[in-house]
Amino acid sequence: MKKSALLGAAAALLLSGQASASYISTVTGADMAGMEVTVTYSDLSTETLTWGVTSSDATVPYMEGYSGGVTGTSWSLTQTGDTIADQPPGAAYVYGAWTFTYDGTGLSIASVYVDAYAADVVFDTVSGDASANGSLAGRELVTDGYVLDASYSMNIEDELFGGLTLSGVSGNLMDAAGSFQFVVDTDKVAVPAPATLGIFAAALGFMGFNRRKKA
C-alpha cells in the first residue's frame, strides 16, 4: 500500500472514530442474553455466569412477561420488563426492576459485577435525554432502600457504560439471606459504531484511487 493510501486510511480512522453507534432504548431482561455476571465471594473467589432468557410472554402488560437472569450456587440476579422502569397508577410495585437474591448458604457475597457490554448492552445512567448520542432517556440506579455502593466502568460514550459493580458500603454486599431490588436503565447497541467498515471502505477507496493515478 502506497503512502497516499495509508494516509487515507488513517484519515478514515480519525473521522470514523467520531461516529456513534445507534441504540435500542427499549430493553428487557429477555433482550440481554449474553451478559456476564460475576459474583465475588468473601474469600475473593468468583463465580461467573452468562445471562439467559427466562420468559418471553407478550401477553403480560407493561412488558413484564419478558425476563432474564442468572442463577448461581447460592444467589441469583434477574430482571423483568422494560429497564427504564415505571410504576403506573394503581400498580402495586415498580415494573422493570432487577432483583438480587442470596440464600444465605456458603460464603457471603462481597460484590456483583455485570458485564453488560458482553451482550452489546450499555447502562444508560442519567435520567432524561442527557446527550445527543441517540440513547434517549435513561435512569440512574436506585435501590428499594437497600444500602450499597454502585460504580460504573467501561465507558462507551457520554453517560453510557458497559460495566456495573454492586458492593457493600463497608464490608460485604450481603452476609445474610435476603434479596433487594433496584432499577437502572439499559440500552442495546443496534448498530456497532461504524469505524471498522468505514476504515476498510475508505482504505479500499484510497487504494483504488492510488492505482488509477499510477496507471
C-alpha atoms as a PDB file:
ATOM      1  CA  MET A   1       0.000   0.000   0.000  1.00  0.00           C
ATOM      2  CA  LYS A   2       1.403   3.396  -1.000  1.00  0.00           C
ATOM      3  CA  LYS A   3       1.784   6.304   1.386  1.00  0.00           C
ATOM      4  CA  SER A   4      -1.309   8.056  -0.004  1.00  0.00           C
ATOM      5  CA  ALA A   5      -3.468   5.023   0.739  1.00  0.00           C
ATOM      6  CA  LEU A   6      -2.050   4.726   4.236  1.00  0.00           C
ATOM      7  CA  LEU A   7      -2.728   8.383   4.914  1.00  0.00           C
ATOM      8  CA  GLY A   8      -6.236   7.976   3.564  1.00  0.00           C
ATOM      9  CA  ALA A   9      -6.934   5.025   5.865  1.00  0.00           C
ATOM     10  CA  ALA A  10      -5.589   6.991   8.811  1.00  0.00           C
ATOM     11  CA  ALA A  11      -7.880   9.882   7.958  1.00  0.00           C
ATOM     12  CA  ALA A  12     -10.809   7.489   7.748  1.00  0.00           C
ATOM     13  CA  LEU A  13      -9.916   6.114  11.170  1.00  0.00           C
ATOM     14  CA  LEU A  14      -9.908   9.604  12.639  1.00  0.00           C
ATOM     15  CA  LEU A  15     -13.268  10.503  11.116  1.00  0.00           C
ATOM     16  CA  SER A  16     -14.995   7.203  11.865  1.00  0.00           C
ATOM     17  CA  GLY A  17     -13.895   7.380  15.492  1.00  0.00           C
ATOM     18  CA  GLN A  18     -16.230  10.349  15.844  1.00  0.00           C
ATOM     19  CA  ALA A  19     -19.267   8.340  14.723  1.00  0.00           C
ATOM     20  CA  SER A  20     -21.572   6.901  17.355  1.00  0.00           C
ATOM     21  CA  ALA A  21     -23.351   3.594  17.482  1.00  0.00           C
ATOM     22  CA  SER A  22     -27.137   3.597  17.333  1.00  0.00           C
ATOM     23  CA  TYR A  23     -29.154   2.278  20.249  1.00  0.00           C
ATOM     24  CA  ILE A  24     -32.386   0.465  21.005  1.00  0.00           C
ATOM     25  CA  SER A  25     -33.808   2.242  24.047  1.00  0.00           C
ATOM     26  CA  THR A  26     -36.500  -0.295  24.991  1.00  0.00           C
ATOM     27  CA  VAL A  27     -34.711  -3.254  26.539  1.00  0.00           C
ATOM     28  CA  THR A  28     -35.999  -6.036  28.802  1.00  0.00           C
ATOM     29  CA  GLY A  29     -34.352  -8.891  30.639  1.00  0.00           C
ATOM     30  CA  ALA A  30     -35.077 -11.095  27.650  1.00  0.00           C
ATOM     31  CA  ASP A  31     -33.038  -8.791  25.388  1.00  0.00           C
ATOM     32  CA  MET A  32     -29.838  -9.012  27.420  1.00  0.00           C
ATOM     33  CA  ALA A  33     -28.864 -12.649  26.821  1.00  0.00           C
ATOM     34  CA  GLY A  34     -25.101 -12.993  26.725  1.00  0.00           C
ATOM     35  CA  MET A  35     -24.237 -10.581  29.517  1.00  0.00           C
ATOM     36  CA  GLU A  36     -21.750 -11.973  32.018  1.00  0.00           C
ATOM     37  CA  VAL A  37     -22.423 -11.711  35.754  1.00  0.00           C
ATOM     38  CA  THR A  38     -19.582 -12.283  38.211  1.00  0.00           C
ATOM     39  CA  VAL A  39     -20.084 -12.682  41.948  1.00  0.00           C
ATOM     40  CA  THR A  40     -17.074 -12.268  44.192  1.00  0.00           C
ATOM     41  CA  TYR A  41     -17.351 -14.097  47.494  1.00  0.00           C
ATOM     42  CA  SER A  42     -15.944 -13.045  50.863  1.00  0.00           C
ATOM     43  CA  ASP A  43     -12.841 -15.210  50.320  1.00  0.00           C
ATOM     44  CA  LEU A  44     -12.274 -13.398  46.966  1.00  0.00           C
ATOM     45  CA  SER A  45     -13.172 -16.481  44.914  1.00  0.00           C
ATOM     46  CA  THR A  46     -15.506 -15.771  41.989  1.00  0.00           C
ATOM     47  CA  GLU A  47     -18.337 -17.330  40.042  1.00  0.00           C
ATOM     48  CA  THR A  48     -19.205 -16.104  36.536  1.00  0.00           C
ATOM     49  CA  LEU A  49     -22.403 -16.979  34.688  1.00  0.00           C
ATOM     50  CA  THR A  50     -23.902 -15.960  31.347  1.00  0.00           C
ATOM     51  CA  TRP A  51     -27.286 -14.218  31.303  1.00  0.00           C
ATOM     52  CA  GLY A  52     -30.118 -16.147  29.691  1.00  0.00           C
ATOM     53  CA  VAL A  53     -33.760 -15.602  28.744  1.00  0.00           C
ATOM     54  CA  THR A  54     -36.307 -16.907  31.266  1.00  0.00           C
ATOM     55  CA  SER A  55     -39.563 -15.673  29.722  1.00  0.00           C
ATOM     56  CA  SER A  56     -40.831 -14.053  26.513  1.00  0.00           C
ATOM     57  CA  ASP A  57     -44.567 -13.688  27.087  1.00  0.00           C
ATOM     58  CA  ALA A  58     -46.067 -10.829  25.105  1.00  0.00           C
ATOM     59  CA  THR A  59     -49.484 -11.184  26.761  1.00  0.00           C
ATOM     60  CA  VAL A  60     -48.373  -9.717  30.105  1.00  0.00           C
ATOM     61  CA  PRO A  61     -48.986  -5.940  30.395  1.00  0.00           C
ATOM     62  CA  TYR A  62     -46.150  -3.438  30.561  1.00  0.00           C
ATOM     63  CA  MET A  63     -43.737  -5.973  29.034  1.00  0.00           C
ATOM     64  CA  GLU A  64     -43.499  -7.760  32.395  1.00  0.00           C
ATOM     65  CA  GLY A  65     -43.654 -11.091  30.563  1.00  0.00           C
ATOM     66  CA  TYR A  66     -40.128 -10.560  29.254  1.00  0.00           C
ATOM     67  CA  SER A  67     -37.401 -11.528  31.697  1.00  0.00           C
ATOM     68  CA  GLY A  68     -33.910 -12.922  32.014  1.00  0.00           C
ATOM     69  CA  GLY A  69     -31.263 -13.689  34.570  1.00  0.00           C
ATOM     70  CA  VAL A  70     -28.656 -15.987  36.053  1.00  0.00           C
ATOM     71  CA  THR A  71     -28.710 -18.412  38.984  1.00  0.00           C
ATOM     72  CA  GLY A  72     -25.534 -19.274  40.861  1.00  0.00           C
ATOM     73  CA  THR A  73     -24.762 -21.691  43.672  1.00  0.00           C
ATOM     74  CA  SER A  74     -26.330 -19.515  46.370  1.00  0.00           C
ATOM     75  CA  TRP A  75     -27.562 -16.444  44.529  1.00  0.00           C
ATOM     76  CA  SER A  76     -29.487 -15.151  41.525  1.00  0.00           C
ATOM     77  CA  LEU A  77     -29.854 -11.924  39.573  1.00  0.00           C
ATOM     78  CA  THR A  78     -32.946 -11.369  37.427  1.00  0.00           C
ATOM     79  CA  GLN A  79     -34.617  -8.535  35.554  1.00  0.00           C
ATOM     80  CA  THR A  80     -38.213  -8.323  34.335  1.00  0.00           C
ATOM     81  CA  GLY A  81     -39.849  -5.809  31.989  1.00  0.00           C
ATOM     82  CA  ASP A  82     -38.562  -2.612  30.406  1.00  0.00           C
ATOM     83  CA  THR A  83     -35.407  -1.496  32.224  1.00  0.00           C
ATOM     84  CA  ILE A  84     -36.418   2.175  32.062  1.00  0.00           C
ATOM     85  CA  ALA A  85     -38.770   1.131  34.907  1.00  0.00           C
ATOM     86  CA  ASP A  86     -42.057   2.678  35.936  1.00  0.00           C
ATOM     87  CA  GLN A  87     -44.834   2.367  38.490  1.00  0.00           C
ATOM     88  CA  PRO A  88     -48.092   3.056  36.671  1.00  0.00           C
ATOM     89  CA  PRO A  89     -51.052   4.439  38.637  1.00  0.00           C
ATOM     90  CA  GLY A  90     -52.571   1.677  40.744  1.00  0.00           C
ATOM     91  CA  ALA A  91     -49.607  -0.663  40.320  1.00  0.00           C
ATOM     92  CA  ALA A  92     -48.526  -2.451  43.494  1.00  0.00           C
ATOM     93  CA  TYR A  93     -44.855  -2.474  42.596  1.00  0.00           C
ATOM     94  CA  VAL A  94     -42.280  -0.962  40.247  1.00  0.00           C
ATOM     95  CA  TYR A  95     -42.190  -2.556  36.801  1.00  0.00           C
ATOM     96  CA  GLY A  96     -38.808  -3.140  35.202  1.00  0.00           C
ATOM     97  CA  ALA A  97     -36.903  -3.951  38.403  1.00  0.00           C
ATOM     98  CA  TRP A  98     -33.759  -6.018  38.859  1.00  0.00           C
ATOM     99  CA  THR A  99     -33.716  -8.482  41.782  1.00  0.00           C
ATOM    100  CA  PHE A 100     -30.663  -9.924  43.520  1.00  0.00           C
ATOM    101  CA  THR A 101     -31.280 -12.849  45.899  1.00  0.00           C
ATOM    102  CA  TYR A 102     -28.893 -14.619  48.256  1.00  0.00           C
ATOM    103  CA  ASP A 103     -29.953 -17.797  50.094  1.00  0.00           C
ATOM    104  CA  GLY A 104     -27.500 -17.348  52.970  1.00  0.00           C
ATOM    105  CA  THR A 105     -25.624 -20.599  52.440  1.00  0.00           C
ATOM    106  CA  GLY A 106     -21.890 -20.780  51.915  1.00  0.00           C
ATOM    107  CA  LEU A 107     -19.730 -17.702  51.697  1.00  0.00           C
ATOM    108  CA  SER A 108     -21.002 -14.146  51.959  1.00  0.00           C
ATOM    109  CA  ILE A 109     -21.408 -12.061  48.798  1.00  0.00           C
ATOM    110  CA  ALA A 110     -18.694  -9.411  48.551  1.00  0.00           C
ATOM    111  CA  SER A 111     -19.744  -7.868  45.238  1.00  0.00           C
ATOM    112  CA  VAL A 112     -21.591  -8.378  41.965  1.00  0.00           C
ATOM    113  CA  TYR A 113     -20.221  -7.288  38.582  1.00  0.00           C
ATOM    114  CA  VAL A 114     -22.382  -7.134  35.458  1.00  0.00           C
ATOM    115  CA  ASP A 115     -20.528  -7.058  32.136  1.00  0.00           C
ATOM    116  CA  ALA A 116     -23.411  -5.818  30.020  1.00  0.00           C
ATOM    117  CA  TYR A 117     -21.254  -4.959  27.022  1.00  0.00           C
ATOM    118  CA  ALA A 118     -20.515  -8.655  26.541  1.00  0.00           C
ATOM    119  CA  ALA A 119     -24.033  -8.691  25.040  1.00  0.00           C
ATOM    120  CA  ASP A 120     -23.786  -5.259  23.345  1.00  0.00           C
ATOM    121  CA  VAL A 121     -25.823  -3.769  26.190  1.00  0.00           C
ATOM    122  CA  VAL A 122     -24.981  -0.497  27.942  1.00  0.00           C
ATOM    123  CA  PHE A 123     -26.165   1.136  31.148  1.00  0.00           C
ATOM    124  CA  ASP A 124     -27.834   4.485  30.385  1.00  0.00           C
ATOM    125  CA  THR A 125     -27.023   6.173  33.658  1.00  0.00           C
ATOM    126  CA  VAL A 126     -28.639   9.625  33.533  1.00  0.00           C
ATOM    127  CA  SER A 127     -32.374  10.269  33.786  1.00  0.00           C
ATOM    128  CA  GLY A 128     -33.715  12.185  30.822  1.00  0.00           C
ATOM    129  CA  ASP A 129     -32.094  12.561  27.421  1.00  0.00           C
ATOM    130  CA  ALA A 130     -28.698  13.708  28.666  1.00  0.00           C
ATOM    131  CA  SER A 131     -26.828  13.616  25.359  1.00  0.00           C
ATOM    132  CA  ALA A 132     -27.222  13.589  21.613  1.00  0.00           C
ATOM    133  CA  ASN A 133     -25.910  10.038  21.148  1.00  0.00           C
ATOM    134  CA  GLY A 134     -29.344   8.582  20.339  1.00  0.00           C
ATOM    135  CA  SER A 135     -29.774   6.594  23.550  1.00  0.00           C
ATOM    136  CA  LEU A 136     -32.837   8.624  24.599  1.00  0.00           C
ATOM    137  CA  ALA A 137     -33.935   8.784  28.242  1.00  0.00           C
ATOM    138  CA  GLY A 138     -32.021   6.829  30.857  1.00  0.00           C
ATOM    139  CA  ARG A 139     -32.381   6.139  34.560  1.00  0.00           C
ATOM    140  CA  GLU A 140     -29.776   6.293  37.286  1.00  0.00           C
ATOM    141  CA  LEU A 141     -29.504   3.348  39.661  1.00  0.00           C
ATOM    142  CA  VAL A 142     -31.946   3.490  42.583  1.00  0.00           C
ATOM    143  CA  THR A 143     -32.490   0.684  45.103  1.00  0.00           C
ATOM    144  CA  ASP A 144     -35.557  -0.261  47.102  1.00  0.00           C
ATOM    145  CA  GLY A 145     -33.791   1.125  50.162  1.00  0.00           C
ATOM    146  CA  TYR A 146     -31.021  -1.433  50.369  1.00  0.00           C
ATOM    147  CA  VAL A 147     -27.751   0.350  51.088  1.00  0.00           C
ATOM    148  CA  LEU A 148     -24.952  -0.420  48.655  1.00  0.00           C
ATOM    149  CA  ASP A 149     -22.247   1.170  46.557  1.00  0.00           C
ATOM    150  CA  ALA A 150     -22.726   1.194  42.775  1.00  0.00           C
ATOM    151  CA  SER A 151     -19.923   2.047  40.371  1.00  0.00           C
ATOM    152  CA  TYR A 152     -19.732   2.014  36.593  1.00  0.00           C
ATOM    153  CA  SER A 153     -16.851   1.010  34.356  1.00  0.00           C
ATOM    154  CA  MET A 154     -16.078   0.625  30.659  1.00  0.00           C
ATOM    155  CA  ASN A 155     -17.300   3.995  29.432  1.00  0.00           C
ATOM    156  CA  ILE A 156     -18.674   3.521  25.917  1.00  0.00           C
ATOM    157  CA  GLU A 157     -19.586   7.138  25.280  1.00  0.00           C
ATOM    158  CA  ASP A 158     -21.041  10.016  27.255  1.00  0.00           C
ATOM    159  CA  GLU A 159     -23.296   8.617  30.010  1.00  0.00           C
ATOM    160  CA  LEU A 160     -23.256   5.047  28.653  1.00  0.00           C
ATOM    161  CA  PHE A 161     -21.229   2.364  30.426  1.00  0.00           C
ATOM    162  CA  GLY A 162     -20.624  -1.325  29.770  1.00  0.00           C
ATOM    163  CA  GLY A 163     -19.973  -2.493  33.326  1.00  0.00           C
ATOM    164  CA  LEU A 164     -21.699  -2.159  36.714  1.00  0.00           C
ATOM    165  CA  THR A 165     -20.359  -3.227  40.117  1.00  0.00           C
ATOM    166  CA  LEU A 166     -22.518  -3.518  43.241  1.00  0.00           C
ATOM    167  CA  SER A 167     -20.650  -3.791  46.531  1.00  0.00           C
ATOM    168  CA  GLY A 168     -21.116  -3.147  50.223  1.00  0.00           C
ATOM    169  CA  VAL A 169     -20.590   0.339  51.595  1.00  0.00           C
ATOM    170  CA  SER A 170     -18.456  -1.119  54.370  1.00  0.00           C
ATOM    171  CA  GLY A 171     -17.851  -4.840  54.157  1.00  0.00           C
ATOM    172  CA  ASN A 172     -19.705  -7.390  52.055  1.00  0.00           C
ATOM    173  CA  LEU A 173     -22.695  -6.716  49.853  1.00  0.00           C
ATOM    174  CA  MET A 174     -24.699  -9.469  51.604  1.00  0.00           C
ATOM    175  CA  ASP A 175     -23.877 -11.532  54.695  1.00  0.00           C
ATOM    176  CA  ALA A 176     -27.317 -12.978  55.431  1.00  0.00           C
ATOM    177  CA  ALA A 177     -30.103 -14.496  53.372  1.00  0.00           C
ATOM    178  CA  GLY A 178     -32.333 -11.974  51.667  1.00  0.00           C
ATOM    179  CA  SER A 179     -32.922 -10.008  48.498  1.00  0.00           C
ATOM    180  CA  PHE A 180     -33.033  -6.462  47.234  1.00  0.00           C
ATOM    181  CA  GLN A 181     -34.309  -4.715  44.132  1.00  0.00           C
ATOM    182  CA  PHE A 182     -33.016  -1.836  42.081  1.00  0.00           C
ATOM    183  CA  VAL A 183     -33.759  -0.056  38.838  1.00  0.00           C
ATOM    184  CA  VAL A 184     -31.247   1.053  36.239  1.00  0.00           C
ATOM    185  CA  ASP A 185     -31.836   1.600  32.542  1.00  0.00           C
ATOM    186  CA  THR A 186     -30.094  -0.299  29.764  1.00  0.00           C
ATOM    187  CA  ASP A 187     -29.943   0.190  26.006  1.00  0.00           C
ATOM    188  CA  LYS A 188     -28.972  -2.272  23.307  1.00  0.00           C
ATOM    189  CA  VAL A 189     -26.417  -1.437  20.660  1.00  0.00           C
ATOM    190  CA  ALA A 190     -28.439  -1.719  17.450  1.00  0.00           C
ATOM    191  CA  VAL A 191     -25.620  -0.958  15.034  1.00  0.00           C
ATOM    192  CA  PRO A 192     -21.995  -1.052  16.243  1.00  0.00           C
ATOM    193  CA  ALA A 193     -20.019   2.127  15.744  1.00  0.00           C
ATOM    194  CA  PRO A 194     -19.199   2.087  12.009  1.00  0.00           C
ATOM    195  CA  ALA A 195     -15.492   2.625  12.463  1.00  0.00           C
ATOM    196  CA  THR A 196     -14.342  -0.735  11.125  1.00  0.00           C
ATOM    197  CA  LEU A 197     -16.468  -0.723   7.988  1.00  0.00           C
ATOM    198  CA  GLY A 198     -15.617   2.907   7.366  1.00  0.00           C
ATOM    199  CA  ILE A 199     -11.912   2.271   7.665  1.00  0.00           C
ATOM    200  CA  PHE A 200     -11.946  -0.681   5.287  1.00  0.00           C
ATOM    201  CA  ALA A 201     -14.143   1.067   2.747  1.00  0.00           C
ATOM    202  CA  ALA A 202     -12.081   4.227   2.829  1.00  0.00           C
ATOM    203  CA  ALA A 203      -8.814   2.307   2.653  1.00  0.00           C
ATOM    204  CA  LEU A 204     -10.024   0.362  -0.377  1.00  0.00           C
ATOM    205  CA  GLY A 205     -11.215   3.576  -1.981  1.00  0.00           C
ATOM    206  CA  PHE A 206      -7.873   5.270  -1.485  1.00  0.00           C
ATOM    207  CA  MET A 207      -6.067   2.176  -2.740  1.00  0.00           C
ATOM    208  CA  GLY A 208      -8.217   2.197  -5.868  1.00  0.00           C
ATOM    209  CA  PHE A 209      -7.592   5.894  -6.358  1.00  0.00           C
ATOM    210  CA  ASN A 210      -3.865   5.310  -5.961  1.00  0.00           C
ATOM    211  CA  ARG A 211      -3.865   2.512  -8.550  1.00  0.00           C
ATOM    212  CA  ARG A 212      -5.834   4.603 -11.047  1.00  0.00           C
ATOM    213  CA  LYS A 213      -3.471   7.505 -10.535  1.00  0.00           C
ATOM    214  CA  LYS A 214      -0.475   5.238 -11.049  1.00  0.00           C
ATOM    215  CA  ALA A 215      -1.980   3.746 -14.202  1.00  0.00           C
END
